[in-house]
C-alpha atoms as a PDB file:
ATOM      1  CA  UNK A   1      69.164 134.204  42.937  1.00  0.00           C
ATOM      2  CA  UNK A   2      67.008 136.740  41.122  1.00  0.00           C
ATOM      3  CA  UNK A   3      68.158 135.446  37.725  1.00  0.00           C
ATOM      4  CA  UNK A   4      66.468 132.110  38.620  1.00  0.00           C
ATOM      5  CA  UNK A   5      68.789 129.739  36.753  1.00  0.00           C
ATOM      6  CA  UNK A   6      66.266 126.897  36.999  1.00  0.00           C
ATOM      7  CA  UNK A   7      64.105 128.736  34.466  1.00  0.00           C
ATOM      8  CA  UNK A   8      66.890 129.262  31.915  1.00  0.00           C
ATOM      9  CA  UNK A   9      66.224 126.013  29.987  1.00  0.00           C
ATOM     10  CA  UNK A  10      63.115 127.814  28.743  1.00  0.00           C
ATOM     11  CA  UNK A  11      65.417 130.355  27.065  1.00  0.00           C
ATOM     12  CA  UNK A  12      68.075 127.948  25.780  1.00  0.00           C
ATOM     13  CA  UNK A  13      65.897 125.091  24.509  1.00  0.00           C
ATOM     14  CA  UNK A  14      64.016 126.941  21.745  1.00  0.00           C
ATOM     15  CA  UNK A  15      67.204 128.418  20.263  1.00  0.00           C
ATOM     16  CA  UNK A  16      68.871 125.002  20.135  1.00  0.00           C
ATOM     17  CA  UNK A  17      65.868 123.317  18.548  1.00  0.00           C
ATOM     18  CA  UNK A  18      65.147 126.115  16.062  1.00  0.00           C
ATOM     19  CA  UNK A  19      68.771 126.284  14.966  1.00  0.00           C
ATOM     20  CA  UNK A  20      69.052 122.496  14.698  1.00  0.00           C
ATOM     21  CA  UNK A  21      65.937 122.448  12.506  1.00  0.00           C
ATOM     22  CA  UNK A  22      67.694 124.878  10.163  1.00  0.00           C
ATOM     23  CA  UNK A  23      70.776 122.644  10.089  1.00  0.00           C
ATOM     24  CA  UNK A  24      68.588 119.628   9.360  1.00  0.00           C
ATOM     25  CA  UNK A  25      67.063 121.471   6.384  1.00  0.00           C
ATOM     26  CA  UNK A  26      70.308 122.898   4.951  1.00  0.00           C
ATOM     27  CA  UNK A  27      72.876 120.328   6.053  1.00  0.00           C
ATOM     28  CA  UNK A  28      75.122 122.776   7.886  1.00  0.00           C
ATOM     29  CA  UNK A  29      74.964 125.835  10.152  1.00  0.00           C
ATOM     30  CA  UNK A  30      75.020 128.866   7.823  1.00  0.00           C
ATOM     31  CA  UNK A  31      75.336 131.614  10.445  1.00  0.00           C
ATOM     32  CA  UNK A  32      77.291 130.756  13.577  1.00  0.00           C
ATOM     33  CA  UNK A  33      77.232 134.352  14.776  1.00  0.00           C
ATOM     34  CA  UNK A  34      73.448 134.480  14.470  1.00  0.00           C
ATOM     35  CA  UNK A  35      73.147 131.341  16.587  1.00  0.00           C
ATOM     36  CA  UNK A  36      75.375 132.792  19.320  1.00  0.00           C
ATOM     37  CA  UNK A  37      73.531 136.116  19.290  1.00  0.00           C
ATOM     38  CA  UNK A  38      70.122 134.432  19.392  1.00  0.00           C
ATOM     39  CA  UNK A  39      71.214 132.243  22.305  1.00  0.00           C
ATOM     40  CA  UNK A  40      72.683 135.106  24.343  1.00  0.00           C
ATOM     41  CA  UNK A  41      69.739 137.358  23.532  1.00  0.00           C
ATOM     42  CA  UNK A  42      67.196 134.742  24.595  1.00  0.00           C
ATOM     43  CA  UNK A  43      69.025 134.040  27.859  1.00  0.00           C
ATOM     44  CA  UNK A  44      69.213 137.717  28.767  1.00  0.00           C
ATOM     45  CA  UNK A  45      65.567 138.345  27.899  1.00  0.00           C
ATOM     46  CA  UNK A  46      64.743 135.544  30.355  1.00  0.00           C
ATOM     47  CA  UNK A  47      67.077 136.959  33.007  1.00  0.00           C
ATOM     48  CA  UNK A  48      65.725 140.470  32.481  1.00  0.00           C
ATOM     49  CA  UNK A  49      62.167 139.193  32.796  1.00  0.00           C
ATOM     50  CA  UNK A  50      63.026 137.376  36.016  1.00  0.00           C
ATOM     51  CA  UNK A  51      64.679 140.492  37.460  1.00  0.00           C
ATOM     52  CA  UNK A  52      61.750 142.682  36.432  1.00  0.00           C
ATOM     53  CA  UNK A  53      59.392 140.155  38.011  1.00  0.00           C
ATOM     54  CA  UNK A  54      61.427 140.160  41.249  1.00  0.00           C
ATOM     55  CA  UNK A  55      61.311 143.964  41.371  1.00  0.00           C
ATOM     56  CA  UNK A  56      57.651 144.443  40.392  1.00  0.00           C
ATOM     57  CA  UNK A  57      56.234 141.666  42.591  1.00  0.00           C
ATOM     58  CA  UNK A  58      58.065 143.125  45.590  1.00  0.00           C
ATOM     59  CA  UNK A  59      56.690 146.587  44.851  1.00  0.00           C
ATOM     60  CA  UNK A  60      53.159 145.182  44.607  1.00  0.00           C
ATOM     61  CA  UNK A  61      53.507 143.025  47.737  1.00  0.00           C
ATOM     62  CA  UNK A  62      53.063 139.722  45.912  1.00  0.00           C
ATOM     63  CA  UNK A  63      56.263 138.132  47.284  1.00  0.00           C
ATOM     64  CA  UNK A  64      55.237 137.824  50.931  1.00  0.00           C
ATOM     65  CA  UNK A  65      57.408 136.178  53.578  1.00  0.00           C
ATOM     66  CA  UNK A  66      55.129 133.121  53.689  1.00  0.00           C
ATOM     67  CA  UNK A  67      55.508 132.211  50.004  1.00  0.00           C
ATOM     68  CA  UNK A  68      56.594 128.641  49.295  1.00  0.00           C
ATOM     69  CA  UNK A  69      59.062 129.456  46.547  1.00  0.00           C
ATOM     70  CA  UNK A  70      62.728 130.433  46.797  1.00  0.00           C
ATOM     71  CA  UNK A  71      63.660 133.741  48.405  1.00  0.00           C
ATOM     72  CA  UNK A  72      63.113 136.795  46.199  1.00  0.00           C
ATOM     73  CA  UNK A  73      65.967 139.214  46.716  1.00  0.00           C
ATOM     74  CA  UNK A  74      63.988 142.458  46.526  1.00  0.00           C
ATOM     75  CA  UNK A  75      61.180 141.543  48.910  1.00  0.00           C
ATOM     76  CA  UNK A  76      63.667 139.905  51.311  1.00  0.00           C
ATOM     77  CA  UNK A  77      65.768 143.068  51.403  1.00  0.00           C
ATOM     78  CA  UNK A  78      68.892 141.273  50.186  1.00  0.00           C
ATOM     79  CA  UNK A  79      69.328 143.735  47.323  1.00  0.00           C
ATOM     80  CA  UNK A  80      67.893 147.240  47.033  1.00  0.00           C
ATOM     81  CA  UNK A  81      65.093 147.747  44.482  1.00  0.00           C
ATOM     82  CA  UNK A  82      67.274 150.284  42.660  1.00  0.00           C
ATOM     83  CA  UNK A  83      70.062 147.740  42.094  1.00  0.00           C
ATOM     84  CA  UNK A  84      67.611 145.080  40.909  1.00  0.00           C
ATOM     85  CA  UNK A  85      66.122 147.599  38.489  1.00  0.00           C
ATOM     86  CA  UNK A  86      69.599 148.536  37.252  1.00  0.00           C
ATOM     87  CA  UNK A  87      70.410 144.866  36.687  1.00  0.00           C
ATOM     88  CA  UNK A  88      67.145 144.556  34.746  1.00  0.00           C
ATOM     89  CA  UNK A  89      68.185 147.395  32.432  1.00  0.00           C
ATOM     90  CA  UNK A  90      71.599 145.815  31.890  1.00  0.00           C
ATOM     91  CA  UNK A  91      70.122 142.400  31.044  1.00  0.00           C
ATOM     92  CA  UNK A  92      67.705 143.861  28.521  1.00  0.00           C
ATOM     93  CA  UNK A  93      70.476 146.062  27.073  1.00  0.00           C
ATOM     94  CA  UNK A  94      72.554 142.943  26.364  1.00  0.00           C
ATOM     95  CA  UNK A  95      69.525 141.368  24.670  1.00  0.00           C
ATOM     96  CA  UNK A  96      69.013 144.546  22.642  1.00  0.00           C
ATOM     97  CA  UNK A  97      72.611 144.524  21.384  1.00  0.00           C
ATOM     98  CA  UNK A  98      72.123 140.927  20.251  1.00  0.00           C
ATOM     99  CA  UNK A  99      68.914 141.967  18.505  1.00  0.00           C
ATOM    100  CA  UNK A 100      70.662 144.789  16.664  1.00  0.00           C
ATOM    101  CA  UNK A 101      73.284 142.347  15.388  1.00  0.00           C
ATOM    102  CA  UNK A 102      70.601 139.872  14.287  1.00  0.00           C
ATOM    103  CA  UNK A 103      68.765 142.691  12.492  1.00  0.00           C
ATOM    104  CA  UNK A 104      71.893 143.382  10.417  1.00  0.00           C
ATOM    105  CA  UNK A 105      71.983 139.699   9.490  1.00  0.00           C
ATOM    106  CA  UNK A 106      68.323 138.802   8.951  1.00  0.00           C
ATOM    107  CA  UNK A 107      66.439 142.077   8.651  1.00  0.00           C
ATOM    108  CA  UNK A 108      64.711 144.658  10.845  1.00  0.00           C
ATOM    109  CA  UNK A 109      61.810 142.329  11.651  1.00  0.00           C
ATOM    110  CA  UNK A 110      64.094 140.558  14.141  1.00  0.00           C
ATOM    111  CA  UNK A 111      64.709 143.810  16.021  1.00  0.00           C
ATOM    112  CA  UNK A 112      60.964 144.400  16.204  1.00  0.00           C
ATOM    113  CA  UNK A 113      60.390 140.893  17.568  1.00  0.00           C
ATOM    114  CA  UNK A 114      63.119 141.418  20.163  1.00  0.00           C
ATOM    115  CA  UNK A 115      61.652 144.759  21.253  1.00  0.00           C
ATOM    116  CA  UNK A 116      58.201 143.206  21.652  1.00  0.00           C
ATOM    117  CA  UNK A 117      59.726 140.321  23.634  1.00  0.00           C
ATOM    118  CA  UNK A 118      61.472 142.728  26.010  1.00  0.00           C
ATOM    119  CA  UNK A 119      58.291 144.777  26.428  1.00  0.00           C
ATOM    120  CA  UNK A 120      56.359 141.610  27.201  1.00  0.00           C
ATOM    121  CA  UNK A 121      58.958 140.655  29.812  1.00  0.00           C
ATOM    122  CA  UNK A 122      58.657 144.020  31.552  1.00  0.00           C
ATOM    123  CA  UNK A 123      54.859 144.175  31.420  1.00  0.00           C
ATOM    124  CA  UNK A 124      54.448 140.637  32.764  1.00  0.00           C
ATOM    125  CA  UNK A 125      54.360 141.991  36.315  1.00  0.00           C
ATOM    126  CA  UNK A 126      55.184 145.659  35.671  1.00  0.00           C
ATOM    127  CA  UNK A 127      53.282 148.622  34.336  1.00  0.00           C
ATOM    128  CA  UNK A 128      49.804 149.823  35.305  1.00  0.00           C
ATOM    129  CA  UNK A 129      48.040 146.604  34.210  1.00  0.00           C
ATOM    130  CA  UNK A 130      50.450 143.648  34.351  1.00  0.00           C
ATOM    131  CA  UNK A 131      49.089 140.767  32.331  1.00  0.00           C
ATOM    132  CA  UNK A 132      50.711 138.202  34.654  1.00  0.00           C
ATOM    133  CA  UNK A 133      48.223 139.378  37.275  1.00  0.00           C
ATOM    134  CA  UNK A 134      45.375 138.770  34.836  1.00  0.00           C
ATOM    135  CA  UNK A 135      46.093 135.090  34.185  1.00  0.00           C
ATOM    136  CA  UNK A 136      47.916 135.582  30.870  1.00  0.00           C
ATOM    137  CA  UNK A 137      51.436 134.581  31.923  1.00  0.00           C
ATOM    138  CA  UNK A 138      51.126 131.136  30.363  1.00  0.00           C
ATOM    139  CA  UNK A 139      50.080 132.680  27.048  1.00  0.00           C
ATOM    140  CA  UNK A 140      53.191 134.895  27.099  1.00  0.00           C
ATOM    141  CA  UNK A 141      55.510 131.957  27.771  1.00  0.00           C
ATOM    142  CA  UNK A 142      53.961 129.796  25.050  1.00  0.00           C
ATOM    143  CA  UNK A 143      54.135 132.585  22.480  1.00  0.00           C
ATOM    144  CA  UNK A 144      57.598 133.957  23.226  1.00  0.00           C
ATOM    145  CA  UNK A 145      59.517 130.917  24.539  1.00  0.00           C
ATOM    146  CA  UNK A 146      57.795 128.558  22.136  1.00  0.00           C
ATOM    147  CA  UNK A 147      56.528 129.984  18.862  1.00  0.00           C
ATOM    148  CA  UNK A 148      58.661 133.131  18.645  1.00  0.00           C
ATOM    149  CA  UNK A 149      61.964 131.748  19.946  1.00  0.00           C
ATOM    150  CA  UNK A 150      62.021 128.503  17.940  1.00  0.00           C
ATOM    151  CA  UNK A 151      60.770 129.995  14.683  1.00  0.00           C
ATOM    152  CA  UNK A 152      62.879 133.122  15.184  1.00  0.00           C
ATOM    153  CA  UNK A 153      66.029 131.033  15.657  1.00  0.00           C
ATOM    154  CA  UNK A 154      65.192 129.153  12.469  1.00  0.00           C
ATOM    155  CA  UNK A 155      64.478 132.376  10.591  1.00  0.00           C
ATOM    156  CA  UNK A 156      67.774 134.094  11.432  1.00  0.00           C
ATOM    157  CA  UNK A 157      69.548 131.167   9.782  1.00  0.00           C
ATOM    158  CA  UNK A 158      67.471 130.733   6.615  1.00  0.00           C
ATOM    159  CA  UNK A 159      65.227 133.839   6.458  1.00  0.00           C
ATOM    160  CA  UNK A 160      62.089 131.816   5.867  1.00  0.00           C
ATOM    161  CA  UNK A 161      59.715 129.752   7.991  1.00  0.00           C
ATOM    162  CA  UNK A 162      58.612 126.147   7.602  1.00  0.00           C
ATOM    163  CA  UNK A 163      56.314 123.469   8.971  1.00  0.00           C
ATOM    164  CA  UNK A 164      58.973 121.617  10.966  1.00  0.00           C
ATOM    165  CA  UNK A 165      60.068 124.492  13.242  1.00  0.00           C
ATOM    166  CA  UNK A 166      56.426 125.497  13.687  1.00  0.00           C
ATOM    167  CA  UNK A 167      55.517 122.057  15.013  1.00  0.00           C
ATOM    168  CA  UNK A 168      58.609 121.848  17.184  1.00  0.00           C
ATOM    169  CA  UNK A 169      57.887 125.308  18.590  1.00  0.00           C
ATOM    170  CA  UNK A 170      54.537 124.037  19.848  1.00  0.00           C
ATOM    171  CA  UNK A 171      56.188 121.113  21.648  1.00  0.00           C
ATOM    172  CA  UNK A 172      58.851 123.344  23.216  1.00  0.00           C
ATOM    173  CA  UNK A 173      56.218 125.942  24.078  1.00  0.00           C
ATOM    174  CA  UNK A 174      54.131 123.344  25.902  1.00  0.00           C
ATOM    175  CA  UNK A 175      57.037 122.328  28.146  1.00  0.00           C
ATOM    176  CA  UNK A 176      58.122 125.926  28.758  1.00  0.00           C
ATOM    177  CA  UNK A 177      54.558 126.791  29.730  1.00  0.00           C
ATOM    178  CA  UNK A 178      54.463 123.817  32.094  1.00  0.00           C
ATOM    179  CA  UNK A 179      57.293 125.457  34.066  1.00  0.00           C
ATOM    180  CA  UNK A 180      55.227 128.556  34.814  1.00  0.00           C
ATOM    181  CA  UNK A 181      52.209 126.411  35.655  1.00  0.00           C
ATOM    182  CA  UNK A 182      54.229 124.678  38.389  1.00  0.00           C
ATOM    183  CA  UNK A 183      55.388 128.057  39.660  1.00  0.00           C
ATOM    184  CA  UNK A 184      51.844 129.411  39.817  1.00  0.00           C
ATOM    185  CA  UNK A 185      50.378 126.289  41.419  1.00  0.00           C
ATOM    186  CA  UNK A 186      53.037 126.498  44.127  1.00  0.00           C
ATOM    187  CA  UNK A 187      52.225 130.158  44.812  1.00  0.00           C
ATOM    188  CA  UNK A 188      48.466 129.852  44.419  1.00  0.00           C
ATOM    189  CA  UNK A 189      47.538 130.832  47.989  1.00  0.00           C
ATOM    190  CA  UNK A 190      49.954 133.750  48.389  1.00  0.00           C
ATOM    191  CA  UNK A 191      49.093 135.022  44.903  1.00  0.00           C
ATOM    192  CA  UNK A 192      45.379 134.917  45.711  1.00  0.00           C
ATOM    193  CA  UNK A 193      45.893 136.919  48.887  1.00  0.00           C
ATOM    194  CA  UNK A 194      48.017 139.473  47.022  1.00  0.00           C
ATOM    195  CA  UNK A 195      45.390 139.880  44.304  1.00  0.00           C
ATOM    196  CA  UNK A 196      47.644 138.286  41.695  1.00  0.00           C
ATOM    197  CA  UNK A 197      45.047 136.439  39.629  1.00  0.00           C
ATOM    198  CA  UNK A 198      47.260 133.969  37.810  1.00  0.00           C
ATOM    199  CA  UNK A 199      45.728 131.263  35.671  1.00  0.00           C
ATOM    200  CA  UNK A 200      46.172 128.796  38.548  1.00  0.00           C
ATOM    201  CA  UNK A 201      44.246 131.110  40.886  1.00  0.00           C
ATOM    202  CA  UNK A 202      41.470 131.506  38.315  1.00  0.00           C
ATOM    203  CA  UNK A 203      41.252 127.815  37.407  1.00  0.00           C
ATOM    204  CA  UNK A 204      41.839 126.353  40.835  1.00  0.00           C
ATOM    205  CA  UNK A 205      44.524 123.890  41.821  1.00  0.00           C
ATOM    206  CA  UNK A 206      42.863 120.754  40.390  1.00  0.00           C
ATOM    207  CA  UNK A 207      42.347 122.231  36.939  1.00  0.00           C
ATOM    208  CA  UNK A 208      45.822 123.777  36.902  1.00  0.00           C
ATOM    209  CA  UNK A 209      47.394 120.399  37.685  1.00  0.00           C
ATOM    210  CA  UNK A 210      45.382 118.879  34.833  1.00  0.00           C
ATOM    211  CA  UNK A 211      46.636 121.635  32.534  1.00  0.00           C
ATOM    212  CA  UNK A 212      50.197 120.795  33.594  1.00  0.00           C
ATOM    213  CA  UNK A 213      49.704 117.143  32.641  1.00  0.00           C
ATOM    214  CA  UNK A 214      48.187 118.056  29.278  1.00  0.00           C
ATOM    215  CA  UNK A 215      51.069 120.410  28.464  1.00  0.00           C
ATOM    216  CA  UNK A 216      53.761 117.888  29.367  1.00  0.00           C
ATOM    217  CA  UNK A 217      52.166 114.950  27.589  1.00  0.00           C
ATOM    218  CA  UNK A 218      51.116 117.169  24.697  1.00  0.00           C
ATOM    219  CA  UNK A 219      54.750 117.970  23.931  1.00  0.00           C
ATOM    220  CA  UNK A 220      55.496 114.289  23.405  1.00  0.00           C
ATOM    221  CA  UNK A 221      52.404 113.864  21.207  1.00  0.00           C
ATOM    222  CA  UNK A 222      53.255 116.891  19.060  1.00  0.00           C
ATOM    223  CA  UNK A 223      56.858 115.790  18.414  1.00  0.00           C
ATOM    224  CA  UNK A 224      56.138 112.883  16.000  1.00  0.00           C
ATOM    225  CA  UNK A 225      53.327 114.866  14.335  1.00  0.00           C
ATOM    226  CA  UNK A 226      55.791 117.703  13.699  1.00  0.00           C
ATOM    227  CA  UNK A 227      58.347 115.389  12.147  1.00  0.00           C
ATOM    228  CA  UNK A 228      55.781 113.794   9.829  1.00  0.00           C
ATOM    229  CA  UNK A 229      54.252 117.149   8.836  1.00  0.00           C
ATOM    230  CA  UNK A 230      57.709 118.623   8.252  1.00  0.00           C
ATOM    231  CA  UNK A 231      58.861 115.575   6.264  1.00  0.00           C
ATOM    232  CA  UNK A 232      61.843 115.232   8.587  1.00  0.00           C
ATOM    233  CA  UNK A 233      63.917 112.246   9.632  1.00  0.00           C
ATOM    234  CA  UNK A 234      62.621 110.041  12.450  1.00  0.00           C
ATOM    235  CA  UNK A 235      65.869 110.454  14.418  1.00  0.00           C
ATOM    236  CA  UNK A 236      64.574 113.377  16.554  1.00  0.00           C
ATOM    237  CA  UNK A 237      62.065 110.907  18.010  1.00  0.00           C
ATOM    238  CA  UNK A 238      64.818 110.110  20.508  1.00  0.00           C
ATOM    239  CA  UNK A 239      63.294 113.067  22.363  1.00  0.00           C
ATOM    240  CA  UNK A 240      60.595 110.643  23.482  1.00  0.00           C
ATOM    241  CA  UNK A 241      63.226 109.017  25.694  1.00  0.00           C
ATOM    242  CA  UNK A 242      62.794 111.971  28.071  1.00  0.00           C
ATOM    243  CA  UNK A 243      59.199 110.967  28.869  1.00  0.00           C
ATOM    244  CA  UNK A 244      60.023 108.969  32.052  1.00  0.00           C
ATOM    245  CA  UNK A 245      61.427 112.185  33.532  1.00  0.00           C
ATOM    246  CA  UNK A 246      57.876 113.555  33.591  1.00  0.00           C
ATOM    247  CA  UNK A 247      56.616 110.946  36.068  1.00  0.00           C
ATOM    248  CA  UNK A 248      58.167 112.483  39.192  1.00  0.00           C
ATOM    249  CA  UNK A 249      56.992 116.074  38.725  1.00  0.00           C
ATOM    250  CA  UNK A 250      53.517 114.949  37.656  1.00  0.00           C
ATOM    251  CA  UNK A 251      53.199 112.904  40.840  1.00  0.00           C
ATOM    252  CA  UNK A 252      54.425 115.818  42.951  1.00  0.00           C
ATOM    253  CA  UNK A 253      51.958 118.173  41.306  1.00  0.00           C
ATOM    254  CA  UNK A 254      49.109 115.754  41.986  1.00  0.00           C
ATOM    255  CA  UNK A 255      49.925 114.713  45.539  1.00  0.00           C
ATOM    256  CA  UNK A 256      52.004 117.419  47.219  1.00  0.00           C
ATOM    257  CA  UNK A 257      51.352 121.006  48.271  1.00  0.00           C
ATOM    258  CA  UNK A 258      54.514 121.760  50.269  1.00  0.00           C
ATOM    259  CA  UNK A 259      57.144 124.177  49.003  1.00  0.00           C
ATOM    260  CA  UNK A 260      60.128 121.771  48.786  1.00  0.00           C
ATOM    261  CA  UNK A 261      58.180 119.227  46.752  1.00  0.00           C
ATOM    262  CA  UNK A 262      56.814 121.819  44.325  1.00  0.00           C
ATOM    263  CA  UNK A 263      60.185 123.540  44.031  1.00  0.00           C
ATOM    264  CA  UNK A 264      61.557 120.127  43.139  1.00  0.00           C
ATOM    265  CA  UNK A 265      58.799 119.697  40.547  1.00  0.00           C
ATOM    266  CA  UNK A 266      59.738 123.082  39.090  1.00  0.00           C
ATOM    267  CA  UNK A 267      63.399 122.078  38.781  1.00  0.00           C
ATOM    268  CA  UNK A 268      62.425 118.683  37.352  1.00  0.00           C
ATOM    269  CA  UNK A 269      60.206 120.299  34.721  1.00  0.00           C
ATOM    270  CA  UNK A 270      63.070 122.565  33.701  1.00  0.00           C
ATOM    271  CA  UNK A 271      65.327 119.513  33.471  1.00  0.00           C
ATOM    272  CA  UNK A 272      62.683 117.708  31.398  1.00  0.00           C
ATOM    273  CA  UNK A 273      62.596 120.597  28.923  1.00  0.00           C
ATOM    274  CA  UNK A 274      66.404 120.666  28.796  1.00  0.00           C
ATOM    275  CA  UNK A 275      66.807 116.925  28.139  1.00  0.00           C
ATOM    276  CA  UNK A 276      63.909 116.812  25.659  1.00  0.00           C
ATOM    277  CA  UNK A 277      65.342 119.726  23.676  1.00  0.00           C
ATOM    278  CA  UNK A 278      68.894 118.342  23.737  1.00  0.00           C
ATOM    279  CA  UNK A 279      67.728 114.950  22.462  1.00  0.00           C
ATOM    280  CA  UNK A 280      65.593 116.495  19.722  1.00  0.00           C
ATOM    281  CA  UNK A 281      68.474 118.807  18.797  1.00  0.00           C
ATOM    282  CA  UNK A 282      70.860 115.851  18.593  1.00  0.00           C
ATOM    283  CA  UNK A 283      68.427 113.942  16.378  1.00  0.00           C
ATOM    284  CA  UNK A 284      68.027 116.927  14.053  1.00  0.00           C
ATOM    285  CA  UNK A 285      71.779 117.507  13.795  1.00  0.00           C
ATOM    286  CA  UNK A 286      72.550 113.840  13.093  1.00  0.00           C
ATOM    287  CA  UNK A 287      69.850 113.650  10.427  1.00  0.00           C
ATOM    288  CA  UNK A 288      71.147 116.892   8.872  1.00  0.00           C
END
């Protein structure tokens, strides 16, 4: 429950797309081990962040009993804070081992990026001044689950960067960020009462819903621009076929305020990111 599997597409999608972009450029996958390590590392950074968030929010009183989202194990007393914290350390340790392997393959810069990613995951709701409480959570997700993860996955294969993965990282980052926007819109009232000033609390519900729409639609606008700028095949445009999946969650975000509907919108946004990334990945691999 505390690993929040519905959020894991945000960790898997950028690795698939970044790696597929490398295959499209080279014609084959040069480093299978690097792909596996990047995928496992990304997943466990996400899980560690979710666990750290569960622990820290409970300690700060942000996960009250009246929240609309799924049960948080620490605040609900289902698991002791100590065990959640231990699980957090284990998750980040797995990610660190993956980072050490990637550093031996593609250089020490990868280890530095991994360490910064882990620190960002911990400080999202932990530490003396958590940036998630200051409305910067969306910036973190866009940077680390968009720009860093896609371009990093490309880099560990080819050890250089390019226009194509940069553009694709923006599209993936937009959809990953949309997931946290749904989460924060759902929790807007309980977060406000707890003093957790997320971007949704600062902007207000109407503006946050508009941001959600712009992020989702922006991903589909950026995709063809990325392919043209990166001089890639048009086959990854099959990712546009995922667009109808955005209709349901956008309607729920606009018209509903109840927990079940917004939890459904959260799951649907995760599914949208997953399908979009799988289609784009397939297009890149076929064209490679």
